Amino acid sequence: MKEKMISCYAFDGAMMLANKTIRRLWILCIILVVFLVGSNIGWLIYESQYVEKTSKIEQEAEWDSESDVIFNGTGVINYGESETDSND
């Protein structure tokens, strides 16, 4: 394999260009990391604005074993069949 010679000026120019490119890429990486951290902090601030308030409701109830009333928890109360419905 034959070695090729290049001038010192061409080599120095190529190295300066490579160094500038590497420096610019590092600056770009730092800027992107700052934007990533900033966007995450922004989302945390946005989500922390909404405080979820929960309240506990306690209710006492009595159950009559002869009653046909059924409450299923959906807001619908079923009173069962009335005697007038069963006579028809």
PDB file of N, CA and C in Angstrom:
ATOM      1  N   MET A   1       0.847  -1.178   0.000  1.00  0.00           N
ATOM      2  CA  MET A   1       0.000   0.000   0.000  1.00  0.00           C
ATOM      3  C   MET A   1       0.890   1.236   0.000  1.00  0.00           C
ATOM      4  N   LYS A   2       0.542   2.135  -0.842  1.00  0.00           N
ATOM      5  CA  LYS A   2       1.335   3.338  -0.999  1.00  0.00           C
ATOM      6  C   LYS A   2       0.795   4.449  -0.109  1.00  0.00           C
ATOM      7  N   GLU A   3       1.648   5.094   0.637  1.00  0.00           N
ATOM      8  CA  GLU A   3       1.231   6.194   1.502  1.00  0.00           C
ATOM      9  C   GLU A   3       1.107   7.458   0.671  1.00  0.00           C
ATOM     10  N   LYS A   4       0.085   8.263   1.003  1.00  0.00           N
ATOM     11  CA  LYS A   4      -0.111   9.516   0.291  1.00  0.00           C
ATOM     12  C   LYS A   4       0.227  10.651   1.230  1.00  0.00           C
ATOM     13  N   MET A   5       0.768  11.674   0.693  1.00  0.00           N
ATOM     14  CA  MET A   5       1.168  12.836   1.478  1.00  0.00           C
ATOM     15  C   MET A   5       0.145  13.958   1.267  1.00  0.00           C
ATOM     16  N   ILE A   6      -0.228  14.622   2.386  1.00  0.00           N
ATOM     17  CA  ILE A   6      -1.052  15.826   2.288  1.00  0.00           C
ATOM     18  C   ILE A   6      -0.311  16.955   2.972  1.00  0.00           C
ATOM     19  N   SER A   7      -0.672  18.142   2.602  1.00  0.00           N
ATOM     20  CA  SER A   7       0.043  19.283   3.168  1.00  0.00           C
ATOM     21  C   SER A   7      -0.407  19.546   4.609  1.00  0.00           C
ATOM     22  N   CYS A   8       0.431  20.208   5.344  1.00  0.00           N
ATOM     23  CA  CYS A   8       0.111  20.551   6.742  1.00  0.00           C
ATOM     24  C   CYS A   8      -1.072  21.496   6.790  1.00  0.00           C
ATOM     25  N   TYR A   9      -1.219  22.367   5.839  1.00  0.00           N
ATOM     26  CA  TYR A   9      -2.331  23.318   5.831  1.00  0.00           C
ATOM     27  C   TYR A   9      -3.672  22.601   5.638  1.00  0.00           C
ATOM     28  N   ALA A  10      -3.694  21.622   4.769  1.00  0.00           N
ATOM     29  CA  ALA A  10      -4.922  20.855   4.539  1.00  0.00           C
ATOM     30  C   ALA A  10      -5.273  20.038   5.784  1.00  0.00           C
ATOM     31  N   PHE A  11      -4.251  19.427   6.416  1.00  0.00           N
ATOM     32  CA  PHE A  11      -4.489  18.647   7.622  1.00  0.00           C
ATOM     33  C   PHE A  11      -4.984  19.539   8.760  1.00  0.00           C
ATOM     34  N   ASP A  12      -4.346  20.674   8.957  1.00  0.00           N
ATOM     35  CA  ASP A  12      -4.772  21.597  10.015  1.00  0.00           C
ATOM     36  C   ASP A  12      -6.185  22.116   9.759  1.00  0.00           C
ATOM     37  N   GLY A  13      -6.484  22.399   8.517  1.00  0.00           N
ATOM     38  CA  GLY A  13      -7.832  22.867   8.176  1.00  0.00           C
ATOM     39  C   GLY A  13      -8.878  21.807   8.467  1.00  0.00           C
ATOM     40  N   ALA A  14      -8.593  20.556   8.130  1.00  0.00           N
ATOM     41  CA  ALA A  14      -9.537  19.471   8.389  1.00  0.00           C
ATOM     42  C   ALA A  14      -9.711  19.247   9.890  1.00  0.00           C
ATOM     43  N   MET A  15      -8.630  19.339  10.653  1.00  0.00           N
ATOM     44  CA  MET A  15      -8.720  19.157  12.105  1.00  0.00           C
ATOM     45  C   MET A  15      -9.487  20.305  12.762  1.00  0.00           C
ATOM     46  N   MET A  16      -9.280  21.523  12.298  1.00  0.00           N
ATOM     47  CA  MET A  16     -10.035  22.662  12.854  1.00  0.00           C
ATOM     48  C   MET A  16     -11.521  22.508  12.561  1.00  0.00           C
ATOM     49  N   LEU A  17     -11.842  22.053  11.355  1.00  0.00           N
ATOM     50  CA  LEU A  17     -13.246  21.838  10.997  1.00  0.00           C
ATOM     51  C   LEU A  17     -13.861  20.731  11.849  1.00  0.00           C
ATOM     52  N   ALA A  18     -13.110  19.653  12.084  1.00  0.00           N
ATOM     53  CA  ALA A  18     -13.608  18.557  12.928  1.00  0.00           C
ATOM     54  C   ALA A  18     -13.803  19.025  14.366  1.00  0.00           C
ATOM     55  N   ASN A  19     -12.890  19.824  14.873  1.00  0.00           N
ATOM     56  CA  ASN A  19     -13.015  20.335  16.247  1.00  0.00           C
ATOM     57  C   ASN A  19     -14.229  21.249  16.390  1.00  0.00           C
ATOM     58  N   LYS A  20     -14.467  22.097  15.382  1.00  0.00           N
ATOM     59  CA  LYS A  20     -15.653  22.961  15.428  1.00  0.00           C
ATOM     60  C   LYS A  20     -16.934  22.138  15.401  1.00  0.00           C
ATOM     61  N   THR A  21     -16.939  21.087  14.572  1.00  0.00           N
ATOM     62  CA  THR A  21     -18.122  20.230  14.478  1.00  0.00           C
ATOM     63  C   THR A  21     -18.377  19.514  15.800  1.00  0.00           C
ATOM     64  N   ILE A  22     -17.334  18.993  16.422  1.00  0.00           N
ATOM     65  CA  ILE A  22     -17.478  18.300  17.707  1.00  0.00           C
ATOM     66  C   ILE A  22     -17.965  19.267  18.782  1.00  0.00           C
ATOM     67  N   ARG A  23     -17.422  20.475  18.804  1.00  0.00           N
ATOM     68  CA  ARG A  23     -17.839  21.476  19.789  1.00  0.00           C
ATOM     69  C   ARG A  23     -19.316  21.833  19.590  1.00  0.00           C
ATOM     70  N   ARG A  24     -19.737  22.002  18.351  1.00  0.00           N
ATOM     71  CA  ARG A  24     -21.143  22.319  18.074  1.00  0.00           C
ATOM     72  C   ARG A  24     -22.060  21.172  18.484  1.00  0.00           C
ATOM     73  N   LEU A  25     -21.640  19.943  18.263  1.00  0.00           N
ATOM     74  CA  LEU A  25     -22.451  18.794  18.680  1.00  0.00           C
ATOM     75  C   LEU A  25     -22.578  18.716  20.199  1.00  0.00           C
ATOM     76  N   TRP A  26     -21.501  19.027  20.920  1.00  0.00           N
ATOM     77  CA  TRP A  26     -21.584  19.048  22.383  1.00  0.00           C
ATOM     78  C   TRP A  26     -22.545  20.134  22.866  1.00  0.00           C
ATOM     79  N   ILE A  27     -22.479  21.297  22.248  1.00  0.00           N
ATOM     80  CA  ILE A  27     -23.395  22.383  22.622  1.00  0.00           C
ATOM     81  C   ILE A  27     -24.833  21.962  22.336  1.00  0.00           C
ATOM     82  N   LEU A  28     -25.062  21.301  21.210  1.00  0.00           N
ATOM     83  CA  LEU A  28     -26.403  20.808  20.883  1.00  0.00           C
ATOM     84  C   LEU A  28     -26.883  19.793  21.914  1.00  0.00           C
ATOM     85  N   CYS A  29     -26.011  18.880  22.329  1.00  0.00           N
ATOM     86  CA  CYS A  29     -26.391  17.883  23.353  1.00  0.00           C
ATOM     87  C   CYS A  29     -26.757  18.550  24.668  1.00  0.00           C
ATOM     88  N   ILE A  30     -25.992  19.537  25.072  1.00  0.00           N
ATOM     89  CA  ILE A  30     -26.281  20.244  26.332  1.00  0.00           C
ATOM     90  C   ILE A  30     -27.616  20.975  26.238  1.00  0.00           C
ATOM     91  N   ILE A  31     -27.875  21.634  25.115  1.00  0.00           N
ATOM     92  CA  ILE A  31     -29.145  22.345  24.930  1.00  0.00           C
ATOM     93  C   ILE A  31     -30.317  21.366  24.964  1.00  0.00           C
ATOM     94  N   LEU A  32     -30.172  20.205  24.317  1.00  0.00           N
ATOM     95  CA  LEU A  32     -31.256  19.217  24.314  1.00  0.00           C
ATOM     96  C   LEU A  32     -31.522  18.662  25.710  1.00  0.00           C
ATOM     97  N   VAL A  33     -30.484  18.442  26.501  1.00  0.00           N
ATOM     98  CA  VAL A  33     -30.674  17.969  27.882  1.00  0.00           C
ATOM     99  C   VAL A  33     -31.384  19.043  28.704  1.00  0.00           C
ATOM    100  N   VAL A  34     -31.022  20.290  28.517  1.00  0.00           N
ATOM    101  CA  VAL A  34     -31.694  21.376  29.243  1.00  0.00           C
ATOM    102  C   VAL A  34     -33.167  21.442  28.856  1.00  0.00           C
ATOM    103  N   PHE A  35     -33.474  21.310  27.574  1.00  0.00           N
ATOM    104  CA  PHE A  35     -34.875  21.306  27.142  1.00  0.00           C
ATOM    105  C   PHE A  35     -35.644  20.109  27.693  1.00  0.00           C
ATOM    106  N   LEU A  36     -35.003  18.962  27.760  1.00  0.00           N
ATOM    107  CA  LEU A  36     -35.652  17.764  28.306  1.00  0.00           C
ATOM    108  C   LEU A  36     -36.000  17.962  29.781  1.00  0.00           C
ATOM    109  N   VAL A  37     -35.038  18.453  30.554  1.00  0.00           N
ATOM    110  CA  VAL A  37     -35.295  18.702  31.980  1.00  0.00           C
ATOM    111  C   VAL A  37     -36.352  19.782  32.141  1.00  0.00           C
ATOM    112  N   GLY A  38     -36.277  20.825  31.330  1.00  0.00           N
ATOM    113  CA  GLY A  38     -37.264  21.908  31.416  1.00  0.00           C
ATOM    114  C   GLY A  38     -38.671  21.442  31.083  1.00  0.00           C
ATOM    115  N   SER A  39     -38.808  20.599  30.074  1.00  0.00           N
ATOM    116  CA  SER A  39     -40.145  20.119  29.723  1.00  0.00           C
ATOM    117  C   SER A  39     -40.701  19.201  30.809  1.00  0.00           C
ATOM    118  N   ASN A  40     -39.853  18.384  31.417  1.00  0.00           N
ATOM    119  CA  ASN A  40     -40.323  17.533  32.510  1.00  0.00           C
ATOM    120  C   ASN A  40     -40.733  18.352  33.728  1.00  0.00           C
ATOM    121  N   ILE A  41     -39.984  19.386  34.038  1.00  0.00           N
ATOM    122  CA  ILE A  41     -40.361  20.264  35.149  1.00  0.00           C
ATOM    123  C   ILE A  41     -41.673  20.973  34.831  1.00  0.00           C
ATOM    124  N   GLY A  42     -41.844  21.388  33.581  1.00  0.00           N
ATOM    125  CA  GLY A  42     -43.098  22.028  33.177  1.00  0.00           C
ATOM    126  C   GLY A  42     -44.292  21.110  33.341  1.00  0.00           C
ATOM    127  N   TRP A  43     -44.158  19.842  32.946  1.00  0.00           N
ATOM    128  CA  TRP A  43     -45.262  18.895  33.108  1.00  0.00           C
ATOM    129  C   TRP A  43     -45.547  18.628  34.580  1.00  0.00           C
ATOM    130  N   LEU A  44     -44.507  18.556  35.409  1.00  0.00           N
ATOM    131  CA  LEU A  44     -44.734  18.345  36.842  1.00  0.00           C
ATOM    132  C   LEU A  44     -45.483  19.519  37.458  1.00  0.00           C
ATOM    133  N   ILE A  45     -45.133  20.728  37.066  1.00  0.00           N
ATOM    134  CA  ILE A  45     -45.837  21.910  37.575  1.00  0.00           C
ATOM    135  C   ILE A  45     -47.277  21.907  37.086  1.00  0.00           C
ATOM    136  N   TYR A  46     -47.489  21.570  35.826  1.00  0.00           N
ATOM    137  CA  TYR A  46     -48.840  21.542  35.258  1.00  0.00           C
ATOM    138  C   TYR A  46     -49.721  20.497  35.957  1.00  0.00           C
ATOM    139  N   GLU A  47     -49.179  19.316  36.165  1.00  0.00           N
ATOM    140  CA  GLU A  47     -49.958  18.248  36.792  1.00  0.00           C
ATOM    141  C   GLU A  47     -50.186  18.479  38.277  1.00  0.00           C
ATOM    142  N   SER A  48     -49.305  19.226  38.937  1.00  0.00           N
ATOM    143  CA  SER A  48     -49.473  19.458  40.371  1.00  0.00           C
ATOM    144  C   SER A  48     -50.507  20.550  40.654  1.00  0.00           C
ATOM    145  N   GLN A  49     -50.994  21.232  39.630  1.00  0.00           N
ATOM    146  CA  GLN A  49     -52.022  22.248  39.833  1.00  0.00           C
ATOM    147  C   GLN A  49     -53.346  21.627  40.232  1.00  0.00           C
ATOM    148  N   TYR A  50     -53.584  20.415  39.779  1.00  0.00           N
ATOM    149  CA  TYR A  50     -54.856  19.767  40.021  1.00  0.00           C
ATOM    150  C   TYR A  50     -54.726  18.831  41.217  1.00  0.00           C
ATOM    151  N   VAL A  51     -55.235  19.295  42.360  1.00  0.00           N
ATOM    152  CA  VAL A  51     -55.180  18.498  43.573  1.00  0.00           C
ATOM    153  C   VAL A  51     -56.474  17.704  43.656  1.00  0.00           C
ATOM    154  N   GLU A  52     -56.326  16.417  43.774  1.00  0.00           N
ATOM    155  CA  GLU A  52     -57.494  15.555  43.829  1.00  0.00           C
ATOM    156  C   GLU A  52     -58.018  15.531  45.262  1.00  0.00           C
ATOM    157  N   LYS A  53     -59.241  15.984  45.416  1.00  0.00           N
ATOM    158  CA  LYS A  53     -59.849  16.007  46.736  1.00  0.00           C
ATOM    159  C   LYS A  53     -60.779  14.811  46.857  1.00  0.00           C
ATOM    160  N   THR A  54     -60.562  14.034  47.873  1.00  0.00           N
ATOM    161  CA  THR A  54     -61.415  12.889  48.117  1.00  0.00           C
ATOM    162  C   THR A  54     -62.087  13.068  49.464  1.00  0.00           C
ATOM    163  N   SER A  55     -63.292  12.599  49.536  1.00  0.00           N
ATOM    164  CA  SER A  55     -64.008  12.656  50.799  1.00  0.00           C
ATOM    165  C   SER A  55     -64.625  11.297  51.060  1.00  0.00           C
ATOM    166  N   LYS A  56     -64.703  10.979  52.304  1.00  0.00           N
ATOM    167  CA  LYS A  56     -65.242   9.690  52.690  1.00  0.00           C
ATOM    168  C   LYS A  56     -66.632   9.915  53.270  1.00  0.00           C
ATOM    169  N   ILE A  57     -67.589   9.182  52.748  1.00  0.00           N
ATOM    170  CA  ILE A  57     -68.965   9.287  53.219  1.00  0.00           C
ATOM    171  C   ILE A  57     -69.312   7.998  53.945  1.00  0.00           C
ATOM    172  N   GLU A  58     -69.746   8.151  55.170  1.00  0.00           N
ATOM    173  CA  GLU A  58     -70.172   6.995  55.936  1.00  0.00           C
ATOM    174  C   GLU A  58     -71.679   7.050  56.092  1.00  0.00           C
ATOM    175  N   GLN A  59     -72.304   5.905  55.969  1.00  0.00           N
ATOM    176  CA  GLN A  59     -73.752   5.853  56.043  1.00  0.00           C
ATOM    177  C   GLN A  59     -74.146   4.589  56.789  1.00  0.00           C
ATOM    178  N   GLU A  60     -75.070   4.768  57.689  1.00  0.00           N
ATOM    179  CA  GLU A  60     -75.598   3.611  58.402  1.00  0.00           C
ATOM    180  C   GLU A  60     -76.927   3.226  57.767  1.00  0.00           C
ATOM    181  N   ALA A  61     -77.144   1.940  57.662  1.00  0.00           N
ATOM    182  CA  ALA A  61     -78.383   1.465  57.051  1.00  0.00           C
ATOM    183  C   ALA A  61     -78.881   0.261  57.834  1.00  0.00           C
ATOM    184  N   GLU A  62     -80.178   0.154  57.857  1.00  0.00           N
ATOM    185  CA  GLU A  62     -80.794  -1.011  58.489  1.00  0.00           C
ATOM    186  C   GLU A  62     -81.452  -1.842  57.405  1.00  0.00           C
ATOM    187  N   TRP A  63     -81.401  -3.134  57.572  1.00  0.00           N
ATOM    188  CA  TRP A  63     -81.965  -4.035  56.578  1.00  0.00           C
ATOM    189  C   TRP A  63     -83.090  -4.815  57.225  1.00  0.00           C
ATOM    190  N   ASP A  64     -84.226  -4.718  56.606  1.00  0.00           N
ATOM    191  CA  ASP A  64     -85.376  -5.489  57.062  1.00  0.00           C
ATOM    192  C   ASP A  64     -85.426  -6.751  56.211  1.00  0.00           C
ATOM    193  N   SER A  65     -85.378  -7.885  56.838  1.00  0.00           N
ATOM    194  CA  SER A  65     -85.296  -9.129  56.076  1.00  0.00           C
ATOM    195  C   SER A  65     -86.550  -9.402  55.257  1.00  0.00           C
ATOM    196  N   GLU A  66     -87.647  -8.742  55.559  1.00  0.00           N
ATOM    197  CA  GLU A  66     -88.876  -8.951  54.798  1.00  0.00           C
ATOM    198  C   GLU A  66     -89.029  -7.943  53.658  1.00  0.00           C
ATOM    199  N   SER A  67     -88.122  -7.008  53.549  1.00  0.00           N
ATOM    200  CA  SER A  67     -88.225  -5.965  52.534  1.00  0.00           C
ATOM    201  C   SER A  67     -87.669  -6.452  51.204  1.00  0.00           C
ATOM    202  N   ASP A  68     -88.275  -5.974  50.102  1.00  0.00           N
ATOM    203  CA  ASP A  68     -87.811  -6.321  48.762  1.00  0.00           C
ATOM    204  C   ASP A  68     -87.013  -5.201  48.116  1.00  0.00           C
ATOM    205  N   VAL A  69     -86.632  -4.173  48.878  1.00  0.00           N
ATOM    206  CA  VAL A  69     -85.919  -3.038  48.306  1.00  0.00           C
ATOM    207  C   VAL A  69     -84.473  -3.456  48.038  1.00  0.00           C
ATOM    208  N   ILE A  70     -84.012  -3.192  46.802  1.00  0.00           N
ATOM    209  CA  ILE A  70     -82.641  -3.529  46.415  1.00  0.00           C
ATOM    210  C   ILE A  70     -81.993  -2.256  45.886  1.00  0.00           C
ATOM    211  N   PHE A  71     -80.878  -1.893  46.490  1.00  0.00           N
ATOM    212  CA  PHE A  71     -80.097  -0.755  46.011  1.00  0.00           C
ATOM    213  C   PHE A  71     -78.794  -1.323  45.451  1.00  0.00           C
ATOM    214  N   ASN A  72     -78.572  -1.135  44.138  1.00  0.00           N
ATOM    215  CA  ASN A  72     -77.426  -1.765  43.497  1.00  0.00           C
ATOM    216  C   ASN A  72     -76.201  -0.873  43.376  1.00  0.00           C
ATOM    217  N   GLY A  73     -76.211   0.333  43.942  1.00  0.00           N
ATOM    218  CA  GLY A  73     -75.039   1.194  43.922  1.00  0.00           C
ATOM    219  C   GLY A  73     -74.920   2.062  42.691  1.00  0.00           C
ATOM    220  N   THR A  74     -75.815   1.945  41.719  1.00  0.00           N
ATOM    221  CA  THR A  74     -75.737   2.764  40.514  1.00  0.00           C
ATOM    222  C   THR A  74     -76.712   3.931  40.563  1.00  0.00           C
ATOM    223  N   GLY A  75     -77.415   4.103  41.659  1.00  0.00           N
ATOM    224  CA  GLY A  75     -78.398   5.174  41.764  1.00  0.00           C
ATOM    225  C   GLY A  75     -79.800   4.706  41.441  1.00  0.00           C
ATOM    226  N   VAL A  76     -79.955   3.437  41.108  1.00  0.00           N
ATOM    227  CA  VAL A  76     -81.268   2.887  40.770  1.00  0.00           C
ATOM    228  C   VAL A  76     -81.746   2.057  41.964  1.00  0.00           C
ATOM    229  N   ILE A  77     -82.942   2.340  42.390  1.00  0.00           N
ATOM    230  CA  ILE A  77     -83.518   1.585  43.507  1.00  0.00           C
ATOM    231  C   ILE A  77     -84.651   0.733  42.961  1.00  0.00           C
ATOM    232  N   ASN A  78     -84.571  -0.551  43.202  1.00  0.00           N
ATOM    233  CA  ASN A  78     -85.592  -1.479  42.756  1.00  0.00           C
ATOM    234  C   ASN A  78     -86.433  -1.857  43.976  1.00  0.00           C
ATOM    235  N   TYR A  79     -87.711  -1.534  43.944  1.00  0.00           N
ATOM    236  CA  TYR A  79     -88.581  -1.795  45.077  1.00  0.00           C
ATOM    237  C   TYR A  79     -89.221  -3.184  45.004  1.00  0.00           C
ATOM    238  N   GLY A  80     -88.879  -3.965  44.049  1.00  0.00           N
ATOM    239  CA  GLY A  80     -89.469  -5.285  43.906  1.00  0.00           C
ATOM    240  C   GLY A  80     -90.865  -5.178  43.293  1.00  0.00           C
ATOM    241  N   GLU A  81     -91.601  -6.251  43.327  1.00  0.00           N
ATOM    242  CA  GLU A  81     -92.967  -6.248  42.791  1.00  0.00           C
ATOM    243  C   GLU A  81     -93.941  -5.792  43.859  1.00  0.00           C
ATOM    244  N   SER A  82     -94.888  -5.009  43.417  1.00  0.00           N
ATOM    245  CA  SER A  82     -95.927  -4.616  44.371  1.00  0.00           C
ATOM    246  C   SER A  82     -97.045  -5.665  44.320  1.00  0.00           C
ATOM    247  N   GLU A  83     -97.895  -5.620  45.308  1.00  0.00           N
ATOM    248  CA  GLU A  83     -98.980  -6.616  45.367  1.00  0.00           C
ATOM    249  C   GLU A  83     -99.985  -6.356  44.244  1.00  0.00           C
ATOM    250  N   THR A  84    -100.148  -5.113  43.825  1.00  0.00           N
ATOM    251  CA  THR A  84    -101.108  -4.831  42.757  1.00  0.00           C
ATOM    252  C   THR A  84    -100.612  -5.388  41.424  1.00  0.00           C
ATOM    253  N   ASP A  85     -99.287  -5.403  41.204  1.00  0.00           N
ATOM    254  CA  ASP A  85     -98.742  -5.949  39.962  1.00  0.00           C
ATOM    255  C   ASP A  85     -98.905  -7.461  39.916  1.00  0.00           C
ATOM    256  N   SER A  86     -98.785  -8.097  41.046  1.00  0.00           N
ATOM    257  CA  SER A  86     -98.850  -9.558  41.054  1.00  0.00           C
ATOM    258  C   SER A  86    -100.291 -10.074  40.963  1.00  0.00           C
ATOM    259  N   ASN A  87    -101.302  -9.212  41.269  1.00  0.00           N
ATOM    260  CA  ASN A  87    -102.692  -9.638  41.189  1.00  0.00           C
ATOM    261  C   ASN A  87    -103.243  -9.562  39.768  1.00  0.00           C
ATOM    262  N   ASP A  88    -102.626  -8.822  38.893  1.00  0.00           N
ATOM    263  CA  ASP A  88    -103.148  -8.661  37.521  1.00  0.00           C
ATOM    264  C   ASP A  88    -102.889  -9.824  36.681  1.00  0.00           C
TER     265      ASP A  88
END
